[in-house]
C-alpha cells in the first residue's frame, strides 16, 4: 500500500528537502489516465494510469483512498515494454484515455520515506511524501516529516493531480458559460 500526503509547495521547502534528504533522481513523468467501461472511477475513487518516464513504462491501478487525512490507497503496478501497445490493449478492452498529466519530479529519500518535489503542467509546484507500508499507521511518520518541513495536517491535499486538473477544467467551462 502507498501511504501518501500532498501539499502545495511553500517558499523554502524545496531547499529544506535538499538539505535533509538524499537526492535520488530528477525526471519527467507523462501519465495517461483512463476511464473504465464497467464503472465510473470518479464515483469509486479509483484510477488506472499508464506512466512513461526515463525508468520505463508502468501501468498502475490505484484503489480507493482508505482514510480521510491522506491519499493512501492500494497500488498495483505492472511494467510494460511499449507505451503505444499498452494504450492499444487498454482501448481494445474498452478503456478510454481521459487526460494526460505531465510533471517534472525530483525524488529524495528520507529514512523510509520518499519525498517528491513536483512541478505539474497546468497546476504548479507540489510536494508529496510517501511510504510503502502494509499499515495506514505509517501516516504518523509522514506527518512528522511534513511538520519538519513546515506543514500541518490540515494543509494536506487529498485530490490527485488528475482531480485537480479536472476541477480547473470544470471551473473554466463554467466561467465560459456565464
Protein backbone atom coordinates (compact mmCIF):
# COMPACT_ATOMS: atom_id res chain seq x y z
CA UNK A 1 0.00 0.00 0.00
CA UNK A 2 1.10 3.54 -0.72
CA UNK A 3 0.67 5.84 2.31
CA UNK A 4 0.95 9.39 0.96
CA UNK A 5 0.26 13.06 1.63
CA UNK A 6 0.47 16.02 -0.75
CA UNK A 7 0.87 19.75 -0.14
CA UNK A 8 1.20 22.88 -2.25
CA UNK A 9 4.83 23.92 -2.31
CA UNK A 10 5.70 26.74 0.11
CA UNK A 11 8.66 29.05 -0.25
CA UNK A 12 11.84 27.50 1.13
CA UNK A 13 10.52 23.92 1.35
CA UNK A 14 12.49 22.58 -1.63
CA UNK A 15 15.68 23.89 -0.01
CA UNK A 16 14.77 22.19 3.29
CA UNK A 17 14.19 18.88 1.49
CA UNK A 18 17.50 19.17 -0.36
CA UNK A 19 19.27 19.87 2.98
CA UNK A 20 17.88 16.87 4.90
CA UNK A 21 17.20 14.19 2.27
CA UNK A 22 19.26 12.18 -0.20
CA UNK A 23 18.71 13.06 -3.87
CA UNK A 24 17.65 10.06 -6.00
CA UNK A 25 16.63 11.26 -9.48
CA UNK A 26 15.12 14.12 -11.48
CA UNK A 27 12.83 13.09 -14.33
CA UNK A 28 9.85 13.96 -16.46
CA UNK A 29 6.78 11.77 -15.96
CA UNK A 30 4.00 11.59 -18.52
CA UNK A 31 0.85 9.97 -17.12
CA UNK A 32 -2.14 9.00 -19.24
CA UNK A 33 -5.29 8.25 -17.22
CA UNK A 34 -8.11 6.02 -18.46
CA UNK A 35 -11.82 5.66 -17.78
CA UNK A 36 -13.32 2.21 -17.30
CA UNK A 37 -16.00 0.65 -19.49
CA UNK A 38 -17.64 -1.04 -16.48
CA UNK A 39 -17.58 1.54 -13.68
CA UNK A 40 -17.09 5.26 -13.08
CA UNK A 41 -13.67 5.75 -11.48
CA UNK A 42 -14.75 9.18 -10.20
CA UNK A 43 -17.54 7.52 -8.21
CA UNK A 44 -15.42 4.59 -6.98
CA UNK A 45 -12.35 6.79 -6.27
CA UNK A 46 -10.11 4.51 -8.35
CA UNK A 47 -7.65 5.24 -11.14
CA UNK A 48 -5.90 3.47 -14.00
CA UNK A 49 -2.75 5.16 -15.20
CA UNK A 50 -0.13 4.49 -17.84
CA UNK A 51 3.17 6.24 -16.99
CA UNK A 52 6.20 6.87 -19.17
CA UNK A 53 9.49 8.16 -17.75
CA UNK A 54 13.22 7.50 -18.12
CA UNK A 55 12.88 4.44 -15.88
CA UNK A 56 10.37 2.74 -18.19
CA UNK A 57 6.65 2.28 -18.72
CA UNK A 58 4.25 1.27 -15.96
CA UNK A 59 0.52 0.55 -15.77
CA UNK A 60 -0.79 1.37 -12.30
CA UNK A 61 -4.15 0.60 -10.72
CA UNK A 62 -4.96 2.80 -7.72
CA UNK A 63 -7.71 1.69 -5.35
CA UNK A 64 -9.99 3.98 -3.35
CA UNK A 65 -8.42 6.21 -0.68
CA UNK A 66 -8.62 4.44 2.67
CA UNK A 67 -8.71 7.29 5.18
CA UNK A 68 -9.83 10.91 5.45
CA UNK A 69 -6.43 12.55 6.08
CA UNK A 70 -4.18 11.16 3.34
CA UNK A 71 -4.11 9.90 -0.24
CA UNK A 72 -3.28 6.38 0.98
CA UNK A 73 -4.51 3.56 -1.23
CA UNK A 74 -3.73 0.18 -2.67
CA UNK A 75 -1.49 0.29 -5.73
CA UNK A 76 -0.82 -2.46 -8.24
CA UNK A 77 1.99 -1.74 -10.70
CA UNK A 78 2.89 -3.62 -13.85
CA UNK A 79 5.92 -2.90 -16.06
CA UNK A 80 5.27 -2.99 -19.81
CA UNK A 81 7.66 -2.56 -22.73
CA UNK A 82 5.58 -0.39 -25.07
CA UNK A 83 3.52 2.69 -24.23
CA UNK A 84 1.71 2.57 -27.59
CA UNK A 85 0.85 -1.15 -27.31
CA UNK A 86 -0.36 -0.66 -23.74
CA UNK A 87 -2.68 2.15 -24.92
CA UNK A 88 -3.88 -0.07 -27.77
CA UNK A 89 -4.55 -3.00 -25.41
CA UNK A 90 -6.47 -0.86 -22.92
CA UNK A 91 -8.55 0.72 -25.71
CA UNK A 92 -9.36 -2.75 -27.14
CA UNK A 93 -10.67 -3.67 -23.67
CA UNK A 94 -12.94 -0.61 -23.65
CA UNK A 95 -10.82 1.77 -21.55
CA UNK A 96 -10.69 5.32 -22.89
CA UNK A 97 -7.92 7.89 -22.39
CA UNK A 98 -9.20 10.73 -20.17
CA UNK A 99 -6.33 13.15 -19.62
CA UNK A 100 -2.58 13.41 -19.71
CA UNK A 101 -0.70 14.74 -16.69
CA UNK A 102 2.90 15.91 -17.17
CA UNK A 103 5.31 16.79 -14.43
CA UNK A 104 8.96 17.26 -13.64
CA UNK A 105 9.68 15.28 -10.48
CA UNK A 106 12.68 15.39 -8.16
CA UNK A 107 12.79 12.35 -5.86
CA UNK A 108 14.55 12.31 -2.48
CA UNK A 109 14.91 9.59 0.17
CA UNK A 110 14.48 10.43 3.86
CA UNK A 111 14.58 7.36 6.11
CA UNK A 112 11.76 5.07 4.98
CA UNK A 113 10.04 7.93 3.15
CA UNK A 114 10.21 9.14 -0.42
CA UNK A 115 9.80 12.90 -0.90
CA UNK A 116 8.81 14.12 -4.36
CA UNK A 117 9.11 17.73 -5.46
CA UNK A 118 6.72 18.07 -8.39
CA UNK A 119 6.24 20.81 -10.97
CA UNK A 120 2.97 19.85 -12.68
CA UNK A 121 1.97 21.35 -16.03
CA UNK A 122 -1.12 23.49 -15.52
CA UNK A 123 -1.03 23.24 -11.70
CA UNK A 124 2.29 24.44 -10.35
CA UNK A 125 4.55 23.07 -7.61
CA UNK A 126 3.67 20.45 -5.01
CA UNK A 127 5.39 18.16 -2.56
CA UNK A 128 4.40 14.54 -1.92
CA UNK A 129 5.67 12.43 0.97
CA UNK A 130 5.07 8.69 0.81
CA UNK A 131 5.95 5.41 2.47
CA UNK A 132 5.25 1.93 1.13
CA UNK A 133 3.66 0.10 4.08
CA UNK A 134 1.17 -2.60 4.98
CA UNK A 135 -0.33 -0.27 7.60
CA UNK A 136 -2.03 3.11 7.43
CA UNK A 137 -0.23 3.83 10.71
CA UNK A 138 2.78 4.93 8.61
CA UNK A 139 0.91 8.21 8.15
CA UNK A 140 2.09 9.37 11.59
CA UNK A 141 5.70 9.18 10.35
CA UNK A 142 4.73 11.04 7.16
CA UNK A 143 3.02 13.82 9.10
CA UNK A 144 6.14 14.17 11.31
CA UNK A 145 8.23 14.74 8.16
CA UNK A 146 5.61 17.20 6.86
CA UNK A 147 5.74 19.09 10.17
CA UNK A 148 9.54 19.19 9.98
CA UNK A 149 9.12 20.85 6.55
CA UNK A 150 6.59 23.40 7.86
CA UNK A 151 3.24 21.77 7.03
CA UNK A 152 0.29 20.88 9.24
CA UNK A 153 -2.21 18.05 8.69
CA UNK A 154 -4.98 20.44 7.68
CA UNK A 155 -2.92 21.66 4.70
CA UNK A 156 -2.86 18.16 3.16
CA UNK A 157 -4.47 17.82 -0.28
CA UNK A 158 -6.26 14.53 -0.95
CA UNK A 159 -7.04 15.18 -4.61
CA UNK A 160 -4.80 13.62 -7.25
CA UNK A 161 -3.19 15.77 -9.92
CA UNK A 162 -5.81 14.41 -12.33
CA UNK A 163 -8.62 15.52 -10.00
CA UNK A 164 -7.06 18.97 -9.54
CA UNK A 165 -6.73 19.43 -13.32
CA UNK A 166 -10.31 18.27 -13.85
CA UNK A 167 -11.55 20.83 -11.30
CA UNK A 168 -9.69 23.61 -13.14
CA UNK A 169 -11.24 22.48 -16.46
CA UNK A 170 -14.73 22.46 -14.93
CA UNK A 171 -14.24 25.95 -13.50
CA UNK A 172 -13.05 27.27 -16.87
CA UNK A 173 -16.04 25.66 -18.62
CA UNK A 174 -18.47 27.18 -16.11
CA UNK A 175 -16.85 30.62 -16.46
CA UNK A 176 -17.16 30.47 -20.28
CA UNK A 177 -20.88 29.66 -19.98
CA UNK A 178 -21.54 32.72 -17.83
